[in-house]
Amino acid sequence: MKTRLFLVLLAGIVLAGCSALQRPYNWDVSAATDFAHPNANHAYYEFTSSPLDKPSVLDEKPPLAEPSYELGSDEDFTAENIESAYGTYGDVVVTVASHKFKLGEAASRKEMAAFQTALDTAYSVALKEYHPSGFTYAMSSVGAVNPLSDIEVACKLSERSANQVGQTTCTSFFNTVSRRYSQLIKGTK
């Protein structure tokens, strides 16, 4: 008997809930709801100036005495002053050129090792020949079926060097990579 009464009561509650959801036009929506957060127009972060905002190299005043402290056990390195490095690391590195190299459909570790050797050789040749600042490269595999079948190499230099010797450096770099890779592959066959 108690079970039947419980089931009838449960069915009544379910039907009442369903009928309320069937007629949403009877809901009272006249009450205005304010969705604004109390801190909506206040800044969450406090922005303070960093030491790099004003480089010390350009200051006319002598620097104040720097506070001295003893290095902790985890600070066993010597770092250069960040403020004095502002002019050194201010140049932007840009991609001057990129080239796609086809290593073959059946490229494996052997071809990739030869390609990496060719890249290292070409990098040192271009670096010695043109002396560009910020010269580096980025390599990514772009093969569809075999990732090693196509390798894209981007030649990157600092903005100043890119304007002066960028195209000649990258052309020499890519030509040396191609030439050295073909020599290495022919030598292993």
N, C-alpha and C. Protein backbone atom coordinates (compact mmCIF):
# COMPACT_ATOMS: atom_id res chain seq x y z
N MET A 1 0.82 -1.18 0.00
CA MET A 1 0.00 0.00 0.00
C MET A 1 0.87 1.26 0.00
N LYS A 2 1.90 1.26 0.84
CA LYS A 2 2.79 2.42 0.91
C LYS A 2 3.52 2.61 -0.42
N THR A 3 3.86 1.53 -1.09
CA THR A 3 4.56 1.62 -2.36
C THR A 3 3.67 2.25 -3.41
N ARG A 4 2.39 1.86 -3.46
CA ARG A 4 1.45 2.44 -4.44
C ARG A 4 1.26 3.92 -4.19
N LEU A 5 1.13 4.29 -2.93
CA LEU A 5 0.94 5.70 -2.59
C LEU A 5 2.18 6.51 -3.00
N PHE A 6 3.36 5.96 -2.78
CA PHE A 6 4.60 6.63 -3.17
C PHE A 6 4.70 6.79 -4.69
N LEU A 7 4.32 5.73 -5.43
CA LEU A 7 4.40 5.80 -6.90
C LEU A 7 3.39 6.80 -7.46
N VAL A 8 2.17 6.84 -6.88
CA VAL A 8 1.16 7.81 -7.34
C VAL A 8 1.64 9.23 -7.05
N LEU A 9 2.21 9.44 -5.89
CA LEU A 9 2.73 10.76 -5.54
C LEU A 9 3.88 11.16 -6.46
N LEU A 10 4.77 10.24 -6.75
CA LEU A 10 5.89 10.50 -7.66
C LEU A 10 5.38 10.82 -9.06
N ALA A 11 4.38 10.07 -9.56
CA ALA A 11 3.82 10.34 -10.89
C ALA A 11 3.16 11.71 -10.92
N GLY A 12 2.50 12.11 -9.84
CA GLY A 12 1.86 13.43 -9.78
C GLY A 12 2.89 14.55 -9.85
N ILE A 13 4.00 14.37 -9.16
CA ILE A 13 5.05 15.40 -9.18
C ILE A 13 5.67 15.51 -10.57
N VAL A 14 5.92 14.38 -11.22
CA VAL A 14 6.48 14.38 -12.57
C VAL A 14 5.53 15.05 -13.54
N LEU A 15 4.24 14.74 -13.47
CA LEU A 15 3.27 15.36 -14.38
C LEU A 15 3.14 16.86 -14.12
N ALA A 16 3.19 17.28 -12.88
CA ALA A 16 3.12 18.71 -12.57
C ALA A 16 4.33 19.44 -13.14
N GLY A 17 5.49 18.81 -13.02
CA GLY A 17 6.69 19.42 -13.58
C GLY A 17 6.64 19.50 -15.08
N CYS A 18 6.16 18.45 -15.74
CA CYS A 18 6.07 18.45 -17.20
C CYS A 18 5.06 19.47 -17.70
N SER A 19 3.94 19.62 -17.00
CA SER A 19 2.93 20.58 -17.47
C SER A 19 3.43 22.01 -17.31
N ALA A 20 4.24 22.27 -16.29
CA ALA A 20 4.79 23.61 -16.13
C ALA A 20 5.78 23.92 -17.24
N LEU A 21 6.51 22.91 -17.71
CA LEU A 21 7.46 23.14 -18.79
C LEU A 21 6.77 23.23 -20.14
N GLN A 22 5.57 22.72 -20.26
CA GLN A 22 4.84 22.76 -21.52
C GLN A 22 4.26 24.14 -21.80
N ARG A 23 4.03 24.95 -20.77
CA ARG A 23 3.43 26.27 -20.96
C ARG A 23 4.37 27.36 -20.46
N PRO A 24 5.44 27.68 -21.20
CA PRO A 24 6.37 28.69 -20.70
C PRO A 24 5.78 30.10 -20.74
N TYR A 25 4.69 30.31 -21.47
CA TYR A 25 4.10 31.64 -21.55
C TYR A 25 3.45 32.01 -20.22
N ASN A 26 3.24 31.09 -19.32
CA ASN A 26 2.68 31.40 -18.00
C ASN A 26 3.76 31.81 -17.00
N TRP A 27 5.01 31.77 -17.38
CA TRP A 27 6.07 32.12 -16.46
C TRP A 27 6.07 33.61 -16.22
N ASP A 28 6.45 34.02 -15.05
CA ASP A 28 6.51 35.44 -14.71
C ASP A 28 7.91 35.96 -15.03
N VAL A 29 8.01 36.77 -16.07
CA VAL A 29 9.29 37.33 -16.47
C VAL A 29 9.31 38.84 -16.29
N SER A 30 8.42 39.36 -15.51
CA SER A 30 8.36 40.81 -15.35
C SER A 30 9.46 41.33 -14.44
N ALA A 31 10.04 40.48 -13.60
CA ALA A 31 11.10 40.93 -12.71
C ALA A 31 12.38 41.17 -13.52
N ALA A 32 12.95 42.35 -13.37
CA ALA A 32 14.17 42.70 -14.09
C ALA A 32 15.36 41.99 -13.45
N THR A 33 16.20 41.42 -14.30
CA THR A 33 17.39 40.74 -13.82
C THR A 33 18.61 41.57 -14.19
N ASP A 34 19.43 41.87 -13.21
CA ASP A 34 20.64 42.66 -13.44
C ASP A 34 21.81 41.70 -13.55
N PHE A 35 22.41 41.63 -14.75
CA PHE A 35 23.52 40.72 -14.99
C PHE A 35 24.87 41.40 -14.83
N ALA A 36 24.91 42.64 -14.47
CA ALA A 36 26.17 43.38 -14.35
C ALA A 36 26.92 42.92 -13.10
N HIS A 37 28.19 42.75 -13.28
CA HIS A 37 29.06 42.38 -12.16
C HIS A 37 29.42 43.64 -11.42
N PRO A 38 29.48 43.60 -10.08
CA PRO A 38 29.79 44.84 -9.34
C PRO A 38 31.16 45.43 -9.68
N ASN A 39 32.12 44.61 -10.12
CA ASN A 39 33.45 45.10 -10.47
C ASN A 39 33.66 45.15 -11.98
N ALA A 40 32.59 45.34 -12.74
CA ALA A 40 32.68 45.27 -14.20
C ALA A 40 33.57 46.36 -14.78
N ASN A 41 33.60 47.54 -14.20
CA ASN A 41 34.37 48.65 -14.78
C ASN A 41 35.67 48.91 -14.04
N HIS A 42 36.13 47.94 -13.27
CA HIS A 42 37.38 48.11 -12.54
C HIS A 42 38.42 47.16 -13.12
N ALA A 43 39.68 47.62 -13.16
CA ALA A 43 40.76 46.79 -13.68
C ALA A 43 41.08 45.68 -12.69
N TYR A 44 41.28 44.51 -13.24
CA TYR A 44 41.62 43.37 -12.39
C TYR A 44 43.11 43.33 -12.08
N TYR A 45 43.93 43.70 -13.04
CA TYR A 45 45.37 43.65 -12.88
C TYR A 45 45.92 45.01 -12.56
N GLU A 46 46.95 45.03 -11.78
CA GLU A 46 47.64 46.28 -11.50
C GLU A 46 48.87 46.32 -12.38
N PHE A 47 48.95 47.31 -13.25
CA PHE A 47 50.06 47.42 -14.18
C PHE A 47 51.11 48.34 -13.59
N THR A 48 52.27 47.81 -13.39
CA THR A 48 53.37 48.61 -12.89
C THR A 48 54.45 48.67 -13.95
N SER A 49 55.33 49.60 -13.84
CA SER A 49 56.38 49.71 -14.84
C SER A 49 57.45 48.66 -14.58
N SER A 50 58.04 48.19 -15.64
CA SER A 50 59.09 47.19 -15.52
C SER A 50 60.44 47.87 -15.71
N PRO A 51 61.52 47.20 -15.33
CA PRO A 51 62.85 47.80 -15.52
C PRO A 51 63.19 48.01 -16.99
N LEU A 52 62.52 47.30 -17.91
CA LEU A 52 62.84 47.44 -19.32
C LEU A 52 62.13 48.62 -19.98
N ASP A 53 61.21 49.28 -19.25
CA ASP A 53 60.53 50.43 -19.84
C ASP A 53 61.50 51.57 -20.12
N LYS A 54 62.49 51.72 -19.29
CA LYS A 54 63.44 52.81 -19.45
C LYS A 54 64.85 52.22 -19.35
N PRO A 55 65.53 52.04 -20.47
CA PRO A 55 66.85 51.42 -20.42
C PRO A 55 67.86 52.31 -19.70
N SER A 56 68.72 51.68 -18.92
CA SER A 56 69.69 52.43 -18.14
C SER A 56 70.84 52.96 -18.99
N VAL A 57 71.00 52.43 -20.19
CA VAL A 57 72.08 52.86 -21.06
C VAL A 57 71.89 54.32 -21.47
N LEU A 58 70.64 54.73 -21.61
CA LEU A 58 70.35 56.07 -22.09
C LEU A 58 70.21 57.09 -20.96
N ASP A 59 70.28 56.66 -19.71
CA ASP A 59 70.16 57.58 -18.59
C ASP A 59 71.38 58.49 -18.52
N GLU A 60 71.14 59.77 -18.21
CA GLU A 60 72.23 60.71 -18.06
C GLU A 60 72.71 60.75 -16.62
N LYS A 61 71.86 60.33 -15.68
CA LYS A 61 72.22 60.38 -14.28
C LYS A 61 73.03 59.15 -13.92
N PRO A 62 73.94 59.27 -12.99
CA PRO A 62 74.67 58.07 -12.54
C PRO A 62 73.70 57.14 -11.81
N PRO A 63 73.88 55.86 -11.96
CA PRO A 63 72.95 54.93 -11.32
C PRO A 63 73.11 54.96 -9.80
N LEU A 64 72.00 54.73 -9.13
CA LEU A 64 72.02 54.67 -7.68
C LEU A 64 72.74 53.39 -7.24
N ALA A 65 73.19 53.42 -6.02
CA ALA A 65 73.87 52.23 -5.49
C ALA A 65 72.89 51.07 -5.46
N GLU A 66 73.28 49.97 -6.04
CA GLU A 66 72.40 48.82 -6.10
C GLU A 66 72.46 48.06 -4.78
N PRO A 67 71.32 47.58 -4.32
CA PRO A 67 71.34 46.82 -3.07
C PRO A 67 72.09 45.51 -3.26
N SER A 68 72.85 45.14 -2.25
CA SER A 68 73.59 43.89 -2.35
C SER A 68 72.93 42.85 -1.47
N TYR A 69 72.96 41.64 -1.92
CA TYR A 69 72.42 40.53 -1.14
C TYR A 69 73.22 39.29 -1.47
N GLU A 70 73.18 38.35 -0.57
CA GLU A 70 73.92 37.13 -0.77
C GLU A 70 73.09 36.17 -1.60
N LEU A 71 73.78 35.44 -2.47
CA LEU A 71 73.10 34.47 -3.31
C LEU A 71 72.66 33.28 -2.49
N GLY A 72 71.45 32.79 -2.80
CA GLY A 72 70.96 31.60 -2.14
C GLY A 72 71.58 30.36 -2.75
N SER A 73 71.25 29.22 -2.20
CA SER A 73 71.83 27.97 -2.70
C SER A 73 71.35 27.65 -4.11
N ASP A 74 70.18 28.16 -4.49
CA ASP A 74 69.68 27.89 -5.84
C ASP A 74 70.11 28.95 -6.84
N GLU A 75 70.88 29.94 -6.43
CA GLU A 75 71.31 31.02 -7.31
C GLU A 75 72.83 30.97 -7.50
N ASP A 76 73.33 29.90 -8.04
CA ASP A 76 74.77 29.75 -8.20
C ASP A 76 75.26 30.16 -9.58
N PHE A 77 74.54 31.03 -10.24
CA PHE A 77 74.93 31.48 -11.57
C PHE A 77 75.19 32.97 -11.54
N THR A 78 75.85 33.44 -12.57
CA THR A 78 76.08 34.87 -12.72
C THR A 78 75.28 35.34 -13.92
N ALA A 79 74.38 36.24 -13.71
CA ALA A 79 73.55 36.73 -14.79
C ALA A 79 73.93 38.17 -15.08
N GLU A 80 73.80 38.56 -16.33
CA GLU A 80 74.11 39.95 -16.65
C GLU A 80 72.90 40.81 -16.31
N ASN A 81 73.13 42.06 -16.14
CA ASN A 81 72.08 42.98 -15.76
C ASN A 81 71.06 43.08 -16.89
N ILE A 82 69.79 42.89 -16.58
CA ILE A 82 68.75 42.90 -17.60
C ILE A 82 68.62 44.29 -18.23
N GLU A 83 68.75 45.32 -17.42
CA GLU A 83 68.59 46.67 -17.94
C GLU A 83 69.68 47.02 -18.95
N SER A 84 70.89 46.53 -18.75
CA SER A 84 71.96 46.85 -19.69
C SER A 84 71.87 46.02 -20.96
N ALA A 85 71.07 44.95 -20.95
CA ALA A 85 70.91 44.10 -22.13
C ALA A 85 69.80 44.60 -23.04
N TYR A 86 69.19 45.71 -22.70
CA TYR A 86 68.05 46.20 -23.48
C TYR A 86 68.41 46.45 -24.94
N GLY A 87 69.53 47.11 -25.20
CA GLY A 87 69.93 47.41 -26.57
C GLY A 87 70.41 46.17 -27.31
N THR A 88 70.95 45.19 -26.59
CA THR A 88 71.49 43.99 -27.22
C THR A 88 70.39 43.13 -27.80
N TYR A 89 69.30 42.95 -27.06
CA TYR A 89 68.24 42.03 -27.48
C TYR A 89 67.02 42.76 -28.03
N GLY A 90 67.17 44.00 -28.44
CA GLY A 90 66.03 44.76 -28.92
C GLY A 90 65.67 44.48 -30.36
N ASP A 91 66.52 43.81 -31.14
CA ASP A 91 66.27 43.57 -32.55
C ASP A 91 65.30 42.40 -32.72
N VAL A 92 64.43 42.50 -33.69
CA VAL A 92 63.42 41.48 -33.95
C VAL A 92 63.94 40.47 -34.96
N VAL A 93 63.65 39.19 -34.74
CA VAL A 93 64.04 38.14 -35.69
C VAL A 93 62.88 37.92 -36.65
N VAL A 94 63.17 37.94 -37.95
CA VAL A 94 62.15 37.78 -38.98
C VAL A 94 62.53 36.62 -39.90
N THR A 95 61.50 36.01 -40.48
CA THR A 95 61.72 34.96 -41.47
C THR A 95 61.98 35.63 -42.81
N VAL A 96 63.14 35.40 -43.36
CA VAL A 96 63.52 36.03 -44.62
C VAL A 96 63.02 35.19 -45.80
N ALA A 97 63.23 33.88 -45.73
CA ALA A 97 62.82 33.00 -46.82
C ALA A 97 62.57 31.61 -46.26
N SER A 98 61.79 30.84 -46.99
CA SER A 98 61.59 29.43 -46.62
C SER A 98 61.66 28.59 -47.89
N HIS A 99 62.09 27.35 -47.73
CA HIS A 99 62.28 26.46 -48.87
C HIS A 99 61.85 25.06 -48.48
N LYS A 100 61.16 24.38 -49.39
CA LYS A 100 60.72 23.01 -49.13
C LYS A 100 61.67 22.04 -49.83
N PHE A 101 62.20 21.11 -49.06
CA PHE A 101 63.10 20.10 -49.58
C PHE A 101 62.37 18.77 -49.64
N LYS A 102 62.47 18.09 -50.78
CA LYS A 102 61.84 16.78 -50.95
C LYS A 102 62.90 15.70 -50.74
N LEU A 103 62.71 14.91 -49.68
CA LEU A 103 63.67 13.86 -49.36
C LEU A 103 63.28 12.53 -49.99
N GLY A 104 62.12 12.45 -50.59
CA GLY A 104 61.68 11.21 -51.24
C GLY A 104 60.53 10.57 -50.47
N GLU A 105 59.74 9.80 -51.18
CA GLU A 105 58.56 9.19 -50.56
C GLU A 105 58.93 8.17 -49.49
N ALA A 106 60.06 7.50 -49.64
CA ALA A 106 60.47 6.46 -48.70
C ALA A 106 61.55 6.98 -47.75
N ALA A 107 61.53 8.26 -47.42
CA ALA A 107 62.54 8.84 -46.55
C ALA A 107 62.47 8.19 -45.16
N SER A 108 63.64 7.93 -44.61
CA SER A 108 63.71 7.29 -43.30
C SER A 108 64.71 8.05 -42.43
N ARG A 109 65.13 7.42 -41.35
CA ARG A 109 66.10 8.05 -40.45
C ARG A 109 67.42 8.35 -41.14
N LYS A 110 67.81 7.50 -42.07
CA LYS A 110 69.08 7.69 -42.77
C LYS A 110 69.06 8.99 -43.56
N GLU A 111 67.98 9.21 -44.31
CA GLU A 111 67.87 10.46 -45.09
C GLU A 111 67.76 11.67 -44.17
N MET A 112 67.04 11.50 -43.06
CA MET A 112 66.89 12.63 -42.14
C MET A 112 68.22 12.97 -41.47
N ALA A 113 69.03 11.97 -41.15
CA ALA A 113 70.35 12.23 -40.56
C ALA A 113 71.25 12.94 -41.57
N ALA A 114 71.18 12.53 -42.83
CA ALA A 114 71.97 13.20 -43.87
C ALA A 114 71.50 14.64 -44.06
N PHE A 115 70.19 14.84 -43.99
CA PHE A 115 69.64 16.19 -44.15
C PHE A 115 70.07 17.08 -42.98
N GLN A 116 70.07 16.55 -41.77
CA GLN A 116 70.49 17.33 -40.61
C GLN A 116 71.97 17.69 -40.71
N THR A 117 72.78 16.77 -41.20
CA THR A 117 74.20 17.06 -41.41
C THR A 117 74.38 18.16 -42.45
N ALA A 118 73.60 18.09 -43.51
CA ALA A 118 73.65 19.12 -44.56
C ALA A 118 73.22 20.47 -44.00
N LEU A 119 72.20 20.49 -43.14
CA LEU A 119 71.75 21.74 -42.52
C LEU A 119 72.86 22.35 -41.66
N ASP A 120 73.49 21.52 -40.84
CA ASP A 120 74.55 22.01 -39.97
C ASP A 120 75.72 22.58 -40.77
N THR A 121 76.08 21.89 -41.84
CA THR A 121 77.18 22.37 -42.69
C THR A 121 76.81 23.69 -43.36
N ALA A 122 75.60 23.76 -43.91
CA ALA A 122 75.16 24.98 -44.59
C ALA A 122 75.06 26.15 -43.63
N TYR A 123 74.63 25.89 -42.41
CA TYR A 123 74.52 26.95 -41.42
C TYR A 123 75.89 27.55 -41.12
N SER A 124 76.88 26.68 -40.91
CA SER A 124 78.22 27.19 -40.59
C SER A 124 78.85 27.90 -41.79
N VAL A 125 78.58 27.43 -43.01
CA VAL A 125 79.13 28.09 -44.21
C VAL A 125 78.54 29.49 -44.36
N ALA A 126 77.20 29.61 -44.24
CA ALA A 126 76.55 30.91 -44.39
C ALA A 126 76.95 31.86 -43.27
N LEU A 127 77.12 31.33 -42.07
CA LEU A 127 77.52 32.16 -40.94
C LEU A 127 78.92 32.72 -41.12
N LYS A 128 79.85 31.90 -41.63
CA LYS A 128 81.22 32.36 -41.85
C LYS A 128 81.31 33.32 -43.03
N GLU A 129 80.47 33.12 -44.03
CA GLU A 129 80.56 33.93 -45.25
C GLU A 129 79.97 35.33 -45.07
N TYR A 130 78.81 35.44 -44.43
CA TYR A 130 78.11 36.73 -44.37
C TYR A 130 78.07 37.36 -42.99
N HIS A 131 78.36 36.63 -41.93
CA HIS A 131 78.36 37.13 -40.55
C HIS A 131 77.07 37.85 -40.18
N PRO A 132 75.91 37.24 -40.44
CA PRO A 132 74.65 37.91 -40.08
C PRO A 132 74.37 37.77 -38.58
N SER A 133 73.75 38.78 -38.00
CA SER A 133 73.39 38.67 -36.59
C SER A 133 71.99 38.06 -36.48
N GLY A 134 71.79 37.25 -35.48
CA GLY A 134 70.50 36.62 -35.27
C GLY A 134 70.17 35.54 -36.28
N PHE A 135 71.16 34.98 -36.95
CA PHE A 135 70.91 33.98 -38.00
C PHE A 135 70.58 32.63 -37.38
N THR A 136 69.45 32.08 -37.76
CA THR A 136 69.04 30.75 -37.33
C THR A 136 68.08 30.17 -38.37
N TYR A 137 67.66 28.95 -38.15
CA TYR A 137 66.70 28.34 -39.07
C TYR A 137 65.69 27.54 -38.27
N ALA A 138 64.54 27.31 -38.88
CA ALA A 138 63.50 26.48 -38.28
C ALA A 138 63.13 25.41 -39.29
N MET A 139 63.01 24.18 -38.81
CA MET A 139 62.73 23.06 -39.69
C MET A 139 61.44 22.40 -39.25
N SER A 140 60.57 22.06 -40.22
CA SER A 140 59.32 21.35 -39.89
C SER A 140 59.01 20.36 -40.99
N SER A 141 58.46 19.22 -40.58
CA SER A 141 58.10 18.20 -41.57
C SER A 141 56.70 18.48 -42.07
N VAL A 142 56.54 18.49 -43.39
CA VAL A 142 55.26 18.83 -44.00
C VAL A 142 54.78 17.75 -44.96
N GLY A 143 55.36 16.57 -44.91
CA GLY A 143 54.95 15.48 -45.79
C GLY A 143 53.55 15.01 -45.43
N ALA A 144 52.74 14.69 -46.45
CA ALA A 144 51.36 14.28 -46.21
C ALA A 144 51.28 12.85 -45.69
N VAL A 145 51.85 11.91 -46.41
CA VAL A 145 51.77 10.51 -46.00
C VAL A 145 52.95 10.16 -45.10
N ASN A 146 54.15 10.41 -45.57
CA ASN A 146 55.35 10.20 -44.78
C ASN A 146 55.84 11.57 -44.32
N PRO A 147 55.82 11.85 -43.03
CA PRO A 147 56.22 13.19 -42.57
C PRO A 147 57.65 13.58 -42.98
N LEU A 148 58.52 12.60 -43.17
CA LEU A 148 59.91 12.92 -43.53
C LEU A 148 60.10 13.13 -45.02
N SER A 149 59.07 12.92 -45.83
CA SER A 149 59.24 13.05 -47.28
C SER A 149 59.45 14.51 -47.71
N ASP A 150 58.80 15.44 -47.05
CA ASP A 150 58.95 16.86 -47.36
C ASP A 150 59.31 17.59 -46.07
N ILE A 151 60.39 18.37 -46.14
CA ILE A 151 60.86 19.15 -45.00
C ILE A 151 60.90 20.61 -45.42
N GLU A 152 60.25 21.48 -44.63
CA GLU A 152 60.28 22.91 -44.92
C GLU A 152 61.25 23.57 -43.94
N VAL A 153 62.17 24.36 -44.50
CA VAL A 153 63.18 25.05 -43.70
C VAL A 153 62.98 26.55 -43.88
N ALA A 154 62.88 27.26 -42.75
CA ALA A 154 62.74 28.72 -42.78
C ALA A 154 64.06 29.34 -42.34
N CYS A 155 64.54 30.28 -43.12
CA CYS A 155 65.78 31.00 -42.82
C CYS A 155 65.40 32.28 -42.07
N LYS A 156 65.94 32.45 -40.86
CA LYS A 156 65.57 33.59 -40.02
C LYS A 156 66.81 34.40 -39.65
N LEU A 157 66.65 35.72 -39.68
CA LEU A 157 67.72 36.63 -39.31
C LEU A 157 67.14 37.78 -38.52
N SER A 158 68.02 38.51 -37.83
CA SER A 158 67.57 39.71 -37.15
C SER A 158 67.15 40.73 -38.22
N GLU A 159 66.33 41.65 -37.81
CA GLU A 159 65.77 42.59 -38.78
C GLU A 159 66.85 43.42 -39.48
N ARG A 160 67.84 43.83 -38.73
CA ARG A 160 68.92 44.62 -39.33
C ARG A 160 69.71 43.80 -40.36
N SER A 161 70.06 42.58 -40.00
CA SER A 161 70.80 41.72 -40.93
C SER A 161 69.94 41.32 -42.11
N ALA A 162 68.63 41.14 -41.89
CA ALA A 162 67.74 40.77 -42.98
C ALA A 162 67.70 41.86 -44.04
N ASN A 163 67.74 43.10 -43.62
CA ASN A 163 67.74 44.21 -44.58
C ASN A 163 69.08 44.33 -45.31
N GLN A 164 70.17 43.94 -44.67
CA GLN A 164 71.48 44.12 -45.27
C GLN A 164 71.92 42.91 -46.12
N VAL A 165 71.92 41.72 -45.52
CA VAL A 165 72.45 40.54 -46.21
C VAL A 165 71.48 39.36 -46.16
N GLY A 166 70.20 39.62 -45.97
CA GLY A 166 69.23 38.55 -45.77
C GLY A 166 69.06 37.62 -46.96
N GLN A 167 68.81 38.17 -48.12
CA GLN A 167 68.56 37.34 -49.30
C GLN A 167 69.80 36.55 -49.71
N THR A 168 70.94 37.17 -49.68
CA THR A 168 72.16 36.46 -50.08
C THR A 168 72.51 35.36 -49.09
N THR A 169 72.31 35.62 -47.80
CA THR A 169 72.59 34.62 -46.77
C THR A 169 71.68 33.41 -46.94
N CYS A 170 70.38 33.66 -47.11
CA CYS A 170 69.42 32.56 -47.23
C CYS A 170 69.61 31.79 -48.54
N THR A 171 69.92 32.49 -49.62
CA THR A 171 70.17 31.80 -50.89
C THR A 171 71.39 30.89 -50.77
N SER A 172 72.46 31.40 -50.19
CA SER A 172 73.65 30.59 -49.97
C SER A 172 73.35 29.40 -49.05
N PHE A 173 72.58 29.64 -48.01
CA PHE A 173 72.22 28.59 -47.05
C PHE A 173 71.44 27.47 -47.74
N PHE A 174 70.40 27.83 -48.52
CA PHE A 174 69.57 26.81 -49.17
C PHE A 174 70.35 26.06 -50.26
N ASN A 175 71.18 26.78 -51.02
CA ASN A 175 71.99 26.12 -52.05
C ASN A 175 72.98 25.14 -51.44
N THR A 176 73.59 25.51 -50.33
CA THR A 176 74.54 24.62 -49.67
C THR A 176 73.83 23.39 -49.09
N VAL A 177 72.63 23.58 -48.55
CA VAL A 177 71.86 22.45 -48.02
C VAL A 177 71.57 21.46 -49.14
N SER A 178 71.09 21.95 -50.29
CA SER A 178 70.77 21.07 -51.41
C SER A 178 72.00 20.33 -51.93
N ARG A 179 73.06 21.07 -52.12
CA ARG A 179 74.29 20.48 -52.65
C ARG A 179 74.87 19.44 -51.68
N ARG A 180 74.97 19.79 -50.42
CA ARG A 180 75.55 18.88 -49.42
C ARG A 180 74.67 17.65 -49.20
N TYR A 181 73.35 17.81 -49.23
CA TYR A 181 72.45 16.67 -49.04
C TYR A 181 72.59 15.68 -50.19
N SER A 182 72.64 16.20 -51.42
CA SER A 182 72.79 15.29 -52.57
C SER A 182 74.14 14.58 -52.51
N GLN A 183 75.20 15.26 -52.06
CA GLN A 183 76.51 14.61 -51.91
C GLN A 183 76.45 13.50 -50.86
N LEU A 184 75.80 13.75 -49.75
CA LEU A 184 75.72 12.76 -48.68
C LEU A 184 74.89 11.55 -49.09
N ILE A 185 73.79 11.78 -49.82
CA ILE A 185 72.93 10.66 -50.27
C ILE A 185 73.66 9.81 -51.31
N LYS A 186 74.37 10.49 -52.24
CA LYS A 186 75.11 9.72 -53.27
C LYS A 186 76.25 8.93 -52.64
N GLY A 187 76.84 9.48 -51.58
CA GLY A 187 77.94 8.79 -50.92
C GLY A 187 77.50 7.57 -50.13
N THR A 188 76.26 7.55 -49.67
CA THR A 188 75.79 6.40 -48.88
C THR A 188 75.22 5.29 -49.74
N LYS A 189 74.93 5.58 -50.99
CA LYS A 189 74.34 4.52 -51.87
C LYS A 189 75.37 3.65 -52.47
